[in-house]
Amino acid sequence: FFIGVEKSVFEECLQKRDNAMITLDNETLLHECHGILAQLVYPGILDGLGNNDAVSNDYENDVLVWYSCQHAARHLMASGRLDDAKSLLFDGRFIRLRLQSTGLFGGSRAHCRDCSKMG
C-alpha cells in the first residue's frame, strides 16, 4: 500500500492513526492520510507530465511514477481536492503517462474507475 512513500509520510500517517484513537474517527483519519499522500504524489505527477522521459530505466523513479499514476486521482478525491482530481483526469498528458506507466489495460481500468467516482 505504501510503495514509494517516504518514511516520514508513513510515520505521519501512523502518528495520526495513534492520535485518531483518542480524538478522530476512522473516516477523518482516512481523509487526513489521503491528504498527506495527495500532497506527496500530486506535485510529482505534475512534474512528470512535462517530461517525456518520466518512465525510464530508473527503477525507483518508475515505481514512484507508477504509484502516482495509479493512485494520485484517488488520493485527491478522497482528500476533497476534487478540482485537482478533475484537472488531472482530463489532462491528456496524464492519460498518456498513466497508460505508458501502468499498461494499456491497467491504465484504462484505473482511469475509468477514477472518472466514474467523480460522478
PDB file of N, CA and C in Angstrom:
ATOM      1  N   PHE A   1       0.821  -1.191   0.000  1.00  0.00           N
ATOM      2  CA  PHE A   1       0.000   0.000   0.000  1.00  0.00           C
ATOM      3  C   PHE A   1       0.864   1.254   0.000  1.00  0.00           C
ATOM      4  N   PHE A   2       1.935   1.274   0.726  1.00  0.00           N
ATOM      5  CA  PHE A   2       2.770   2.472   0.816  1.00  0.00           C
ATOM      6  C   PHE A   2       4.013   2.365  -0.063  1.00  0.00           C
ATOM      7  N   ILE A   3       3.894   1.712  -1.215  1.00  0.00           N
ATOM      8  CA  ILE A   3       5.022   1.608  -2.142  1.00  0.00           C
ATOM      9  C   ILE A   3       5.416   2.999  -2.597  1.00  0.00           C
ATOM     10  N   GLY A   4       6.659   3.314  -2.500  1.00  0.00           N
ATOM     11  CA  GLY A   4       7.151   4.583  -2.996  1.00  0.00           C
ATOM     12  C   GLY A   4       6.861   5.768  -2.098  1.00  0.00           C
ATOM     13  N   VAL A   5       6.415   5.523  -0.887  1.00  0.00           N
ATOM     14  CA  VAL A   5       6.102   6.615   0.030  1.00  0.00           C
ATOM     15  C   VAL A   5       7.272   6.808   0.977  1.00  0.00           C
ATOM     16  N   GLU A   6       7.675   8.042   1.135  1.00  0.00           N
ATOM     17  CA  GLU A   6       8.789   8.344   2.025  1.00  0.00           C
ATOM     18  C   GLU A   6       8.453   7.904   3.454  1.00  0.00           C
ATOM     19  N   LYS A   7       9.458   7.518   4.172  1.00  0.00           N
ATOM     20  CA  LYS A   7       9.282   7.026   5.541  1.00  0.00           C
ATOM     21  C   LYS A   7       8.592   8.062   6.422  1.00  0.00           C
ATOM     22  N   SER A   8       8.917   9.335   6.252  1.00  0.00           N
ATOM     23  CA  SER A   8       8.310  10.373   7.098  1.00  0.00           C
ATOM     24  C   SER A   8       6.808  10.478   6.850  1.00  0.00           C
ATOM     25  N   VAL A   9       6.371  10.266   5.612  1.00  0.00           N
ATOM     26  CA  VAL A   9       4.939  10.313   5.301  1.00  0.00           C
ATOM     27  C   VAL A   9       4.238   9.140   5.970  1.00  0.00           C
ATOM     28  N   PHE A  10       4.836   7.952   5.869  1.00  0.00           N
ATOM     29  CA  PHE A  10       4.284   6.768   6.505  1.00  0.00           C
ATOM     30  C   PHE A  10       4.202   6.972   8.022  1.00  0.00           C
ATOM     31  N   GLU A  11       5.259   7.510   8.611  1.00  0.00           N
ATOM     32  CA  GLU A  11       5.271   7.743  10.057  1.00  0.00           C
ATOM     33  C   GLU A  11       4.222   8.776  10.462  1.00  0.00           C
ATOM     34  N   GLU A  12       4.009   9.788   9.606  1.00  0.00           N
ATOM     35  CA  GLU A  12       2.983  10.792   9.901  1.00  0.00           C
ATOM     36  C   GLU A  12       1.599  10.149   9.901  1.00  0.00           C
ATOM     37  N   CYS A  13       1.358   9.238   8.972  1.00  0.00           N
ATOM     38  CA  CYS A  13       0.077   8.521   8.944  1.00  0.00           C
ATOM     39  C   CYS A  13      -0.095   7.671  10.207  1.00  0.00           C
ATOM     40  N   LEU A  14       0.980   7.005  10.620  1.00  0.00           N
ATOM     41  CA  LEU A  14       0.900   6.194  11.836  1.00  0.00           C
ATOM     42  C   LEU A  14       0.644   7.068  13.062  1.00  0.00           C
ATOM     43  N   GLN A  15       1.296   8.220  13.111  1.00  0.00           N
ATOM     44  CA  GLN A  15       1.085   9.135  14.229  1.00  0.00           C
ATOM     45  C   GLN A  15      -0.361   9.611  14.254  1.00  0.00           C
ATOM     46  N   LYS A  16      -0.893   9.952  13.091  1.00  0.00           N
ATOM     47  CA  LYS A  16      -2.291  10.374  13.015  1.00  0.00           C
ATOM     48  C   LYS A  16      -3.213   9.237  13.445  1.00  0.00           C
ATOM     49  N   ARG A  17      -2.847   8.004  13.082  1.00  0.00           N
ATOM     50  CA  ARG A  17      -3.652   6.860  13.492  1.00  0.00           C
ATOM     51  C   ARG A  17      -3.676   6.746  15.011  1.00  0.00           C
ATOM     52  N   ASP A  18      -2.499   6.908  15.621  1.00  0.00           N
ATOM     53  CA  ASP A  18      -2.436   6.829  17.079  1.00  0.00           C
ATOM     54  C   ASP A  18      -3.261   7.930  17.726  1.00  0.00           C
ATOM     55  N   ASN A  19      -3.171   9.142  17.173  1.00  0.00           N
ATOM     56  CA  ASN A  19      -3.970  10.256  17.694  1.00  0.00           C
ATOM     57  C   ASN A  19      -5.455  10.042  17.435  1.00  0.00           C
ATOM     58  N   ALA A  20      -5.784   9.381  16.338  1.00  0.00           N
ATOM     59  CA  ALA A  20      -7.179   9.161  15.973  1.00  0.00           C
ATOM     60  C   ALA A  20      -7.876   8.275  16.997  1.00  0.00           C
ATOM     61  N   MET A  21      -7.132   7.380  17.568  1.00  0.00           N
ATOM     62  CA  MET A  21      -7.743   6.506  18.558  1.00  0.00           C
ATOM     63  C   MET A  21      -8.237   7.311  19.756  1.00  0.00           C
ATOM     64  N   ILE A  22      -7.678   8.491  19.920  1.00  0.00           N
ATOM     65  CA  ILE A  22      -8.084   9.348  21.027  1.00  0.00           C
ATOM     66  C   ILE A  22      -9.099  10.386  20.567  1.00  0.00           C
ATOM     67  N   THR A  23      -8.851  11.038  19.421  1.00  0.00           N
ATOM     68  CA  THR A  23      -9.660  12.201  19.052  1.00  0.00           C
ATOM     69  C   THR A  23     -10.422  12.090  17.737  1.00  0.00           C
ATOM     70  N   LEU A  24      -9.999  11.264  16.813  1.00  0.00           N
ATOM     71  CA  LEU A  24     -10.617  11.226  15.492  1.00  0.00           C
ATOM     72  C   LEU A  24     -11.300   9.895  15.232  1.00  0.00           C
ATOM     73  N   ASP A  25     -12.310   9.928  14.362  1.00  0.00           N
ATOM     74  CA  ASP A  25     -12.885   8.660  13.937  1.00  0.00           C
ATOM     75  C   ASP A  25     -12.107   8.157  12.719  1.00  0.00           C
ATOM     76  N   ASN A  26     -12.377   6.947  12.308  1.00  0.00           N
ATOM     77  CA  ASN A  26     -11.620   6.341  11.214  1.00  0.00           C
ATOM     78  C   ASN A  26     -11.803   7.082   9.898  1.00  0.00           C
ATOM     79  N   GLU A  27     -12.984   7.607   9.630  1.00  0.00           N
ATOM     80  CA  GLU A  27     -13.232   8.327   8.387  1.00  0.00           C
ATOM     81  C   GLU A  27     -12.375   9.591   8.316  1.00  0.00           C
ATOM     82  N   THR A  28     -12.271  10.300   9.419  1.00  0.00           N
ATOM     83  CA  THR A  28     -11.446  11.503   9.463  1.00  0.00           C
ATOM     84  C   THR A  28      -9.980  11.137   9.273  1.00  0.00           C
ATOM     85  N   LEU A  29      -9.550  10.077   9.899  1.00  0.00           N
ATOM     86  CA  LEU A  29      -8.176   9.608   9.752  1.00  0.00           C
ATOM     87  C   LEU A  29      -7.876   9.254   8.303  1.00  0.00           C
ATOM     88  N   LEU A  30      -8.769   8.522   7.674  1.00  0.00           N
ATOM     89  CA  LEU A  30      -8.569   8.130   6.286  1.00  0.00           C
ATOM     90  C   LEU A  30      -8.486   9.358   5.387  1.00  0.00           C
ATOM     91  N   HIS A  31      -9.345  10.333   5.615  1.00  0.00           N
ATOM     92  CA  HIS A  31      -9.335  11.581   4.854  1.00  0.00           C
ATOM     93  C   HIS A  31      -7.987  12.290   5.019  1.00  0.00           C
ATOM     94  N   GLU A  32      -7.495  12.358   6.238  1.00  0.00           N
ATOM     95  CA  GLU A  32      -6.212  13.016   6.513  1.00  0.00           C
ATOM     96  C   GLU A  32      -5.044  12.283   5.843  1.00  0.00           C
ATOM     97  N   CYS A  33      -5.049  10.958   5.901  1.00  0.00           N
ATOM     98  CA  CYS A  33      -3.966  10.194   5.277  1.00  0.00           C
ATOM     99  C   CYS A  33      -4.000  10.339   3.759  1.00  0.00           C
ATOM    100  N   HIS A  34      -5.187  10.341   3.172  1.00  0.00           N
ATOM    101  CA  HIS A  34      -5.282  10.581   1.732  1.00  0.00           C
ATOM    102  C   HIS A  34      -4.750  11.974   1.400  1.00  0.00           C
ATOM    103  N   GLY A  35      -5.014  12.942   2.252  1.00  0.00           N
ATOM    104  CA  GLY A  35      -4.494  14.295   2.039  1.00  0.00           C
ATOM    105  C   GLY A  35      -2.984  14.334   2.059  1.00  0.00           C
ATOM    106  N   ILE A  36      -2.385  13.602   2.979  1.00  0.00           N
ATOM    107  CA  ILE A  36      -0.926  13.538   3.067  1.00  0.00           C
ATOM    108  C   ILE A  36      -0.355  12.886   1.812  1.00  0.00           C
ATOM    109  N   LEU A  37      -0.958  11.781   1.394  1.00  0.00           N
ATOM    110  CA  LEU A  37      -0.475  11.094   0.195  1.00  0.00           C
ATOM    111  C   LEU A  37      -0.703  11.938  -1.056  1.00  0.00           C
ATOM    112  N   ALA A  38      -1.807  12.676  -1.118  1.00  0.00           N
ATOM    113  CA  ALA A  38      -2.054  13.560  -2.258  1.00  0.00           C
ATOM    114  C   ALA A  38      -0.973  14.637  -2.335  1.00  0.00           C
ATOM    115  N   GLN A  39      -0.570  15.169  -1.187  1.00  0.00           N
ATOM    116  CA  GLN A  39       0.490  16.185  -1.157  1.00  0.00           C
ATOM    117  C   GLN A  39       1.811  15.608  -1.646  1.00  0.00           C
ATOM    118  N   LEU A  40       2.009  14.326  -1.458  1.00  0.00           N
ATOM    119  CA  LEU A  40       3.240  13.678  -1.889  1.00  0.00           C
ATOM    120  C   LEU A  40       3.225  13.375  -3.383  1.00  0.00           C
ATOM    121  N   VAL A  41       2.150  12.783  -3.891  1.00  0.00           N
ATOM    122  CA  VAL A  41       2.166  12.296  -5.272  1.00  0.00           C
ATOM    123  C   VAL A  41       1.724  13.332  -6.303  1.00  0.00           C
ATOM    124  N   TYR A  42       0.860  14.274  -5.936  1.00  0.00           N
ATOM    125  CA  TYR A  42       0.331  15.205  -6.931  1.00  0.00           C
ATOM    126  C   TYR A  42       1.411  16.102  -7.537  1.00  0.00           C
ATOM    127  N   PRO A  43       2.270  16.740  -6.750  1.00  0.00           N
ATOM    128  CA  PRO A  43       3.329  17.555  -7.375  1.00  0.00           C
ATOM    129  C   PRO A  43       4.267  16.727  -8.248  1.00  0.00           C
ATOM    130  N   GLY A  44       4.551  15.506  -7.823  1.00  0.00           N
ATOM    131  CA  GLY A  44       5.430  14.641  -8.601  1.00  0.00           C
ATOM    132  C   GLY A  44       4.832  14.268  -9.942  1.00  0.00           C
ATOM    133  N   ILE A  45       3.542  14.012  -9.957  1.00  0.00           N
ATOM    134  CA  ILE A  45       2.908  13.639 -11.215  1.00  0.00           C
ATOM    135  C   ILE A  45       2.845  14.841 -12.141  1.00  0.00           C
ATOM    136  N   LEU A  46       2.667  16.031 -11.592  1.00  0.00           N
ATOM    137  CA  LEU A  46       2.668  17.235 -12.427  1.00  0.00           C
ATOM    138  C   LEU A  46       4.041  17.441 -13.063  1.00  0.00           C
ATOM    139  N   ASP A  47       5.108  17.173 -12.313  1.00  0.00           N
ATOM    140  CA  ASP A  47       6.466  17.273 -12.864  1.00  0.00           C
ATOM    141  C   ASP A  47       6.659  16.264 -13.990  1.00  0.00           C
ATOM    142  N   GLY A  48       6.115  15.076 -13.809  1.00  0.00           N
ATOM    143  CA  GLY A  48       6.249  14.029 -14.811  1.00  0.00           C
ATOM    144  C   GLY A  48       5.495  14.319 -16.091  1.00  0.00           C
ATOM    145  N   LEU A  49       4.453  15.127 -16.015  1.00  0.00           N
ATOM    146  CA  LEU A  49       3.646  15.408 -17.200  1.00  0.00           C
ATOM    147  C   LEU A  49       4.423  16.188 -18.250  1.00  0.00           C
ATOM    148  N   GLY A  50       5.331  17.018 -17.812  1.00  0.00           N
ATOM    149  CA  GLY A  50       6.119  17.791 -18.755  1.00  0.00           C
ATOM    150  C   GLY A  50       7.378  17.078 -19.217  1.00  0.00           C
ATOM    151  N   ASN A  51       7.588  15.869 -18.743  1.00  0.00           N
ATOM    152  CA  ASN A  51       8.831  15.147 -19.005  1.00  0.00           C
ATOM    153  C   ASN A  51       8.540  13.918 -19.856  1.00  0.00           C
ATOM    154  N   ASN A  52       9.008  13.904 -21.092  1.00  0.00           N
ATOM    155  CA  ASN A  52       8.782  12.763 -21.972  1.00  0.00           C
ATOM    156  C   ASN A  52       9.490  11.506 -21.492  1.00  0.00           C
ATOM    157  N   ASP A  53      10.480  11.661 -20.624  1.00  0.00           N
ATOM    158  CA  ASP A  53      11.229  10.526 -20.108  1.00  0.00           C
ATOM    159  C   ASP A  53      10.791  10.155 -18.693  1.00  0.00           C
ATOM    160  N   ALA A  54       9.527  10.434 -18.344  1.00  0.00           N
ATOM    161  CA  ALA A  54       9.062  10.163 -16.986  1.00  0.00           C
ATOM    162  C   ALA A  54       9.171   8.681 -16.647  1.00  0.00           C
ATOM    163  N   VAL A  55       8.924   7.816 -17.622  1.00  0.00           N
ATOM    164  CA  VAL A  55       9.114   6.389 -17.420  1.00  0.00           C
ATOM    165  C   VAL A  55      10.454   6.049 -18.047  1.00  0.00           C
ATOM    166  N   SER A  56      11.360   5.536 -17.224  1.00  0.00           N
ATOM    167  CA  SER A  56      12.739   5.333 -17.666  1.00  0.00           C
ATOM    168  C   SER A  56      13.238   3.972 -17.221  1.00  0.00           C
ATOM    169  N   ASN A  57      14.551   3.831 -17.189  1.00  0.00           N
ATOM    170  CA  ASN A  57      15.157   2.610 -16.671  1.00  0.00           C
ATOM    171  C   ASN A  57      15.532   2.745 -15.206  1.00  0.00           C
ATOM    172  N   ASP A  58      15.147   3.833 -14.577  1.00  0.00           N
ATOM    173  CA  ASP A  58      15.420   4.076 -13.160  1.00  0.00           C
ATOM    174  C   ASP A  58      14.288   3.452 -12.355  1.00  0.00           C
ATOM    175  N   TYR A  59      14.570   2.305 -11.717  1.00  0.00           N
ATOM    176  CA  TYR A  59      13.529   1.539 -11.034  1.00  0.00           C
ATOM    177  C   TYR A  59      12.785   2.361  -9.984  1.00  0.00           C
ATOM    178  N   GLU A  60      13.538   3.082  -9.135  1.00  0.00           N
ATOM    179  CA  GLU A  60      12.887   3.856  -8.064  1.00  0.00           C
ATOM    180  C   GLU A  60      11.964   4.921  -8.649  1.00  0.00           C
ATOM    181  N   ASN A  61      12.430   5.635  -9.653  1.00  0.00           N
ATOM    182  CA  ASN A  61      11.606   6.645 -10.300  1.00  0.00           C
ATOM    183  C   ASN A  61      10.386   6.003 -10.959  1.00  0.00           C
ATOM    184  N   ASP A  62      10.581   4.868 -11.632  1.00  0.00           N
ATOM    185  CA  ASP A  62       9.471   4.196 -12.308  1.00  0.00           C
ATOM    186  C   ASP A  62       8.409   3.741 -11.314  1.00  0.00           C
ATOM    187  N   VAL A  63       8.813   3.269 -10.145  1.00  0.00           N
ATOM    188  CA  VAL A  63       7.848   2.853  -9.118  1.00  0.00           C
ATOM    189  C   VAL A  63       7.051   4.054  -8.639  1.00  0.00           C
ATOM    190  N   LEU A  64       7.709   5.187  -8.438  1.00  0.00           N
ATOM    191  CA  LEU A  64       7.001   6.391  -7.996  1.00  0.00           C
ATOM    192  C   LEU A  64       6.035   6.897  -9.063  1.00  0.00           C
ATOM    193  N   VAL A  65       6.454   6.863 -10.328  1.00  0.00           N
ATOM    194  CA  VAL A  65       5.572   7.277 -11.423  1.00  0.00           C
ATOM    195  C   VAL A  65       4.377   6.328 -11.502  1.00  0.00           C
ATOM    196  N   TRP A  66       4.639   5.012 -11.425  1.00  0.00           N
ATOM    197  CA  TRP A  66       3.554   4.031 -11.466  1.00  0.00           C
ATOM    198  C   TRP A  66       2.564   4.282 -10.322  1.00  0.00           C
ATOM    199  N   TYR A  67       3.081   4.422  -9.095  1.00  0.00           N
ATOM    200  CA  TYR A  67       2.209   4.646  -7.940  1.00  0.00           C
ATOM    201  C   TYR A  67       1.403   5.929  -8.116  1.00  0.00           C
ATOM    202  N   SER A  68       2.066   6.987  -8.557  1.00  0.00           N
ATOM    203  CA  SER A  68       1.380   8.262  -8.735  1.00  0.00           C
ATOM    204  C   SER A  68       0.299   8.164  -9.803  1.00  0.00           C
ATOM    205  N   CYS A  69       0.618   7.524 -10.921  1.00  0.00           N
ATOM    206  CA  CYS A  69      -0.381   7.377 -11.979  1.00  0.00           C
ATOM    207  C   CYS A  69      -1.536   6.488 -11.545  1.00  0.00           C
ATOM    208  N   GLN A  70      -1.253   5.510 -10.755  1.00  0.00           N
ATOM    209  CA  GLN A  70      -2.287   4.578 -10.303  1.00  0.00           C
ATOM    210  C   GLN A  70      -3.179   5.194  -9.218  1.00  0.00           C
ATOM    211  N   HIS A  71      -2.607   6.036  -8.339  1.00  0.00           N
ATOM    212  CA  HIS A  71      -3.350   6.438  -7.142  1.00  0.00           C
ATOM    213  C   HIS A  71      -3.529   7.938  -6.918  1.00  0.00           C
ATOM    214  N   ALA A  72      -2.875   8.793  -7.681  1.00  0.00           N
ATOM    215  CA  ALA A  72      -2.950  10.237  -7.416  1.00  0.00           C
ATOM    216  C   ALA A  72      -4.383  10.752  -7.434  1.00  0.00           C
ATOM    217  N   ALA A  73      -5.152  10.391  -8.461  1.00  0.00           N
ATOM    218  CA  ALA A  73      -6.528  10.883  -8.569  1.00  0.00           C
ATOM    219  C   ALA A  73      -7.368  10.408  -7.382  1.00  0.00           C
ATOM    220  N   ARG A  74      -7.178   9.164  -6.977  1.00  0.00           N
ATOM    221  CA  ARG A  74      -7.949   8.613  -5.843  1.00  0.00           C
ATOM    222  C   ARG A  74      -7.615   9.356  -4.550  1.00  0.00           C
ATOM    223  N   HIS A  75      -6.325   9.621  -4.324  1.00  0.00           N
ATOM    224  CA  HIS A  75      -5.937  10.361  -3.119  1.00  0.00           C
ATOM    225  C   HIS A  75      -6.497  11.781  -3.148  1.00  0.00           C
ATOM    226  N   LEU A  76      -6.468  12.413  -4.319  1.00  0.00           N
ATOM    227  CA  LEU A  76      -7.014  13.771  -4.436  1.00  0.00           C
ATOM    228  C   LEU A  76      -8.514  13.779  -4.136  1.00  0.00           C
ATOM    229  N   MET A  77      -9.248  12.831  -4.718  1.00  0.00           N
ATOM    230  CA  MET A  77     -10.698  12.777  -4.479  1.00  0.00           C
ATOM    231  C   MET A  77     -11.013  12.505  -3.011  1.00  0.00           C
ATOM    232  N   ALA A  78     -10.307  11.541  -2.436  1.00  0.00           N
ATOM    233  CA  ALA A  78     -10.584  11.147  -1.050  1.00  0.00           C
ATOM    234  C   ALA A  78     -10.234  12.241  -0.058  1.00  0.00           C
ATOM    235  N   SER A  79      -9.341  13.156  -0.451  1.00  0.00           N
ATOM    236  CA  SER A  79      -8.976  14.242   0.462  1.00  0.00           C
ATOM    237  C   SER A  79      -9.773  15.516   0.171  1.00  0.00           C
ATOM    238  N   GLY A  80     -10.728  15.429  -0.758  1.00  0.00           N
ATOM    239  CA  GLY A  80     -11.604  16.565  -1.038  1.00  0.00           C
ATOM    240  C   GLY A  80     -11.069  17.538  -2.073  1.00  0.00           C
ATOM    241  N   ARG A  81      -9.978  17.203  -2.724  1.00  0.00           N
ATOM    242  CA  ARG A  81      -9.392  18.091  -3.745  1.00  0.00           C
ATOM    243  C   ARG A  81      -9.949  17.720  -5.122  1.00  0.00           C
ATOM    244  N   LEU A  82     -11.260  17.905  -5.273  1.00  0.00           N
ATOM    245  CA  LEU A  82     -11.953  17.451  -6.472  1.00  0.00           C
ATOM    246  C   LEU A  82     -11.552  18.226  -7.724  1.00  0.00           C
ATOM    247  N   ASP A  83     -11.300  19.523  -7.609  1.00  0.00           N
ATOM    248  CA  ASP A  83     -10.880  20.299  -8.777  1.00  0.00           C
ATOM    249  C   ASP A  83      -9.529  19.813  -9.301  1.00  0.00           C
ATOM    250  N   ASP A  84      -8.605  19.515  -8.392  1.00  0.00           N
ATOM    251  CA  ASP A  84      -7.307  18.991  -8.812  1.00  0.00           C
ATOM    252  C   ASP A  84      -7.466  17.616  -9.466  1.00  0.00           C
ATOM    253  N   ALA A  85      -8.323  16.775  -8.883  1.00  0.00           N
ATOM    254  CA  ALA A  85      -8.550  15.436  -9.452  1.00  0.00           C
ATOM    255  C   ALA A  85      -9.158  15.551 -10.849  1.00  0.00           C
ATOM    256  N   LYS A  86     -10.140  16.406 -11.003  1.00  0.00           N
ATOM    257  CA  LYS A  86     -10.788  16.587 -12.307  1.00  0.00           C
ATOM    258  C   LYS A  86      -9.788  17.103 -13.336  1.00  0.00           C
ATOM    259  N   SER A  87      -9.002  18.087 -12.951  1.00  0.00           N
ATOM    260  CA  SER A  87      -7.993  18.639 -13.852  1.00  0.00           C
ATOM    261  C   SER A  87      -7.010  17.559 -14.294  1.00  0.00           C
ATOM    262  N   LEU A  88      -6.584  16.735 -13.353  1.00  0.00           N
ATOM    263  CA  LEU A  88      -5.640  15.666 -13.655  1.00  0.00           C
ATOM    264  C   LEU A  88      -6.268  14.629 -14.589  1.00  0.00           C
ATOM    265  N   LEU A  89      -7.487  14.223 -14.294  1.00  0.00           N
ATOM    266  CA  LEU A  89      -8.140  13.179 -15.080  1.00  0.00           C
ATOM    267  C   LEU A  89      -8.431  13.601 -16.519  1.00  0.00           C
ATOM    268  N   PHE A  90      -8.590  14.901 -16.746  1.00  0.00           N
ATOM    269  CA  PHE A  90      -8.884  15.383 -18.094  1.00  0.00           C
ATOM    270  C   PHE A  90      -7.645  15.898 -18.830  1.00  0.00           C
ATOM    271  N   ASP A  91      -6.489  15.751 -18.221  1.00  0.00           N
ATOM    272  CA  ASP A  91      -5.237  16.182 -18.845  1.00  0.00           C
ATOM    273  C   ASP A  91      -4.718  15.046 -19.735  1.00  0.00           C
ATOM    274  N   GLY A  92      -4.659  15.299 -21.033  1.00  0.00           N
ATOM    275  CA  GLY A  92      -4.200  14.278 -21.976  1.00  0.00           C
ATOM    276  C   GLY A  92      -2.806  13.767 -21.672  1.00  0.00           C
ATOM    277  N   ARG A  93      -1.940  14.644 -21.154  1.00  0.00           N
ATOM    278  CA  ARG A  93      -0.577  14.212 -20.802  1.00  0.00           C
ATOM    279  C   ARG A  93      -0.614  13.196 -19.670  1.00  0.00           C
ATOM    280  N   PHE A  94      -1.513  13.420 -18.684  1.00  0.00           N
ATOM    281  CA  PHE A  94      -1.642  12.460 -17.584  1.00  0.00           C
ATOM    282  C   PHE A  94      -2.166  11.128 -18.106  1.00  0.00           C
ATOM    283  N   ILE A  95      -3.150  11.174 -18.982  1.00  0.00           N
ATOM    284  CA  ILE A  95      -3.715   9.932 -19.521  1.00  0.00           C
ATOM    285  C   ILE A  95      -2.629   9.139 -20.258  1.00  0.00           C
ATOM    286  N   ARG A  96      -1.834   9.810 -21.094  1.00  0.00           N
ATOM    287  CA  ARG A  96      -0.744   9.129 -21.808  1.00  0.00           C
ATOM    288  C   ARG A  96       0.281   8.539 -20.840  1.00  0.00           C
ATOM    289  N   LEU A  97       0.670   9.335 -19.826  1.00  0.00           N
ATOM    290  CA  LEU A  97       1.647   8.848 -18.848  1.00  0.00           C
ATOM    291  C   LEU A  97       1.084   7.666 -18.063  1.00  0.00           C
ATOM    292  N   ARG A  98      -0.187   7.735 -17.714  1.00  0.00           N
ATOM    293  CA  ARG A  98      -0.829   6.646 -16.973  1.00  0.00           C
ATOM    294  C   ARG A  98      -0.829   5.367 -17.809  1.00  0.00           C
ATOM    295  N   LEU A  99      -1.182   5.474 -19.077  1.00  0.00           N
ATOM    296  CA  LEU A  99      -1.194   4.298 -19.946  1.00  0.00           C
ATOM    297  C   LEU A  99       0.216   3.762 -20.165  1.00  0.00           C
ATOM    298  N   GLN A 100       1.183   4.659 -20.293  1.00  0.00           N
ATOM    299  CA  GLN A 100       2.568   4.254 -20.512  1.00  0.00           C
ATOM    300  C   GLN A 100       3.140   3.552 -19.278  1.00  0.00           C
ATOM    301  N   SER A 101       2.837   4.068 -18.089  1.00  0.00           N
ATOM    302  CA  SER A 101       3.466   3.525 -16.880  1.00  0.00           C
ATOM    303  C   SER A 101       2.731   2.322 -16.296  1.00  0.00           C
ATOM    304  N   THR A 102       1.419   2.233 -16.514  1.00  0.00           N
ATOM    305  CA  THR A 102       0.657   1.140 -15.890  1.00  0.00           C
ATOM    306  C   THR A 102       0.143   0.126 -16.901  1.00  0.00           C
ATOM    307  N   GLY A 103       0.405   0.362 -18.178  1.00  0.00           N
ATOM    308  CA  GLY A 103      -0.058  -0.552 -19.216  1.00  0.00           C
ATOM    309  C   GLY A 103      -1.433  -0.135 -19.731  1.00  0.00           C
ATOM    310  N   LEU A 104      -1.728  -0.559 -20.941  1.00  0.00           N
ATOM    311  CA  LEU A 104      -2.969  -0.156 -21.583  1.00  0.00           C
ATOM    312  C   LEU A 104      -4.192  -0.620 -20.793  1.00  0.00           C
ATOM    313  N   PHE A 105      -4.224  -1.884 -20.407  1.00  0.00           N
ATOM    314  CA  PHE A 105      -5.375  -2.409 -19.678  1.00  0.00           C
ATOM    315  C   PHE A 105      -5.475  -1.804 -18.276  1.00  0.00           C
ATOM    316  N   GLY A 106      -4.381  -1.850 -17.526  1.00  0.00           N
ATOM    317  CA  GLY A 106      -4.398  -1.325 -16.154  1.00  0.00           C
ATOM    318  C   GLY A 106      -4.673   0.164 -16.105  1.00  0.00           C
ATOM    319  N   GLY A 107      -4.060   0.910 -17.023  1.00  0.00           N
ATOM    320  CA  GLY A 107      -4.276   2.354 -17.066  1.00  0.00           C
ATOM    321  C   GLY A 107      -5.701   2.712 -17.449  1.00  0.00           C
ATOM    322  N   SER A 108      -6.248   1.981 -18.434  1.00  0.00           N
ATOM    323  CA  SER A 108      -7.636   2.226 -18.853  1.00  0.00           C
ATOM    324  C   SER A 108      -8.604   1.914 -17.722  1.00  0.00           C
ATOM    325  N   ARG A 109      -8.378   0.789 -17.061  1.00  0.00           N
ATOM    326  CA  ARG A 109      -9.251   0.389 -15.955  1.00  0.00           C
ATOM    327  C   ARG A 109      -9.199   1.416 -14.821  1.00  0.00           C
ATOM    328  N   ALA A 110      -7.993   1.859 -14.463  1.00  0.00           N
ATOM    329  CA  ALA A 110      -7.847   2.842 -13.386  1.00  0.00           C
ATOM    330  C   ALA A 110      -8.496   4.166 -13.782  1.00  0.00           C
ATOM    331  N   HIS A 111      -8.340   4.547 -15.027  1.00  0.00           N
ATOM    332  CA  HIS A 111      -8.903   5.831 -15.470  1.00  0.00           C
ATOM    333  C   HIS A 111     -10.435   5.775 -15.459  1.00  0.00           C
ATOM    334  N   CYS A 112     -10.999   4.700 -15.953  1.00  0.00           N
ATOM    335  CA  CYS A 112     -12.467   4.542 -15.915  1.00  0.00           C
ATOM    336  C   CYS A 112     -12.979   4.548 -14.475  1.00  0.00           C
ATOM    337  N   ARG A 113     -12.279   3.840 -13.597  1.00  0.00           N
ATOM    338  CA  ARG A 113     -12.674   3.788 -12.176  1.00  0.00           C
ATOM    339  C   ARG A 113     -12.664   5.173 -11.571  1.00  0.00           C
ATOM    340  N   ASP A 114     -11.592   5.918 -11.813  1.00  0.00           N
ATOM    341  CA  ASP A 114     -11.476   7.250 -11.206  1.00  0.00           C
ATOM    342  C   ASP A 114     -12.499   8.222 -11.784  1.00  0.00           C
ATOM    343  N   CYS A 115     -12.698   8.170 -13.102  1.00  0.00           N
ATOM    344  CA  CYS A 115     -13.680   9.077 -13.719  1.00  0.00           C
ATOM    345  C   CYS A 115     -15.089   8.772 -13.221  1.00  0.00           C
ATOM    346  N   SER A 116     -15.415   7.498 -13.049  1.00  0.00           N
ATOM    347  CA  SER A 116     -16.755   7.156 -12.570  1.00  0.00           C
ATOM    348  C   SER A 116     -16.977   7.608 -11.133  1.00  0.00           C
ATOM    349  N   LYS A 117     -15.914   7.666 -10.335  1.00  0.00           N
ATOM    350  CA  LYS A 117     -16.041   8.141  -8.951  1.00  0.00           C
ATOM    351  C   LYS A 117     -16.228   9.649  -8.866  1.00  0.00           C
ATOM    352  N   MET A 118     -15.849  10.359  -9.943  1.00  0.00           N
ATOM    353  CA  MET A 118     -16.056  11.809  -9.948  1.00  0.00           C
ATOM    354  C   MET A 118     -17.539  12.140 -10.025  1.00  0.00           C
ATOM    355  N   GLY A 119     -18.326  11.165 -10.523  1.00  0.00           N
ATOM    356  CA  GLY A 119     -19.779  11.290 -10.583  1.00  0.00           C
ATOM    357  C   GLY A 119     -20.207  12.462 -11.322  1.00  0.00           C
TER     358      GLY A 119
END
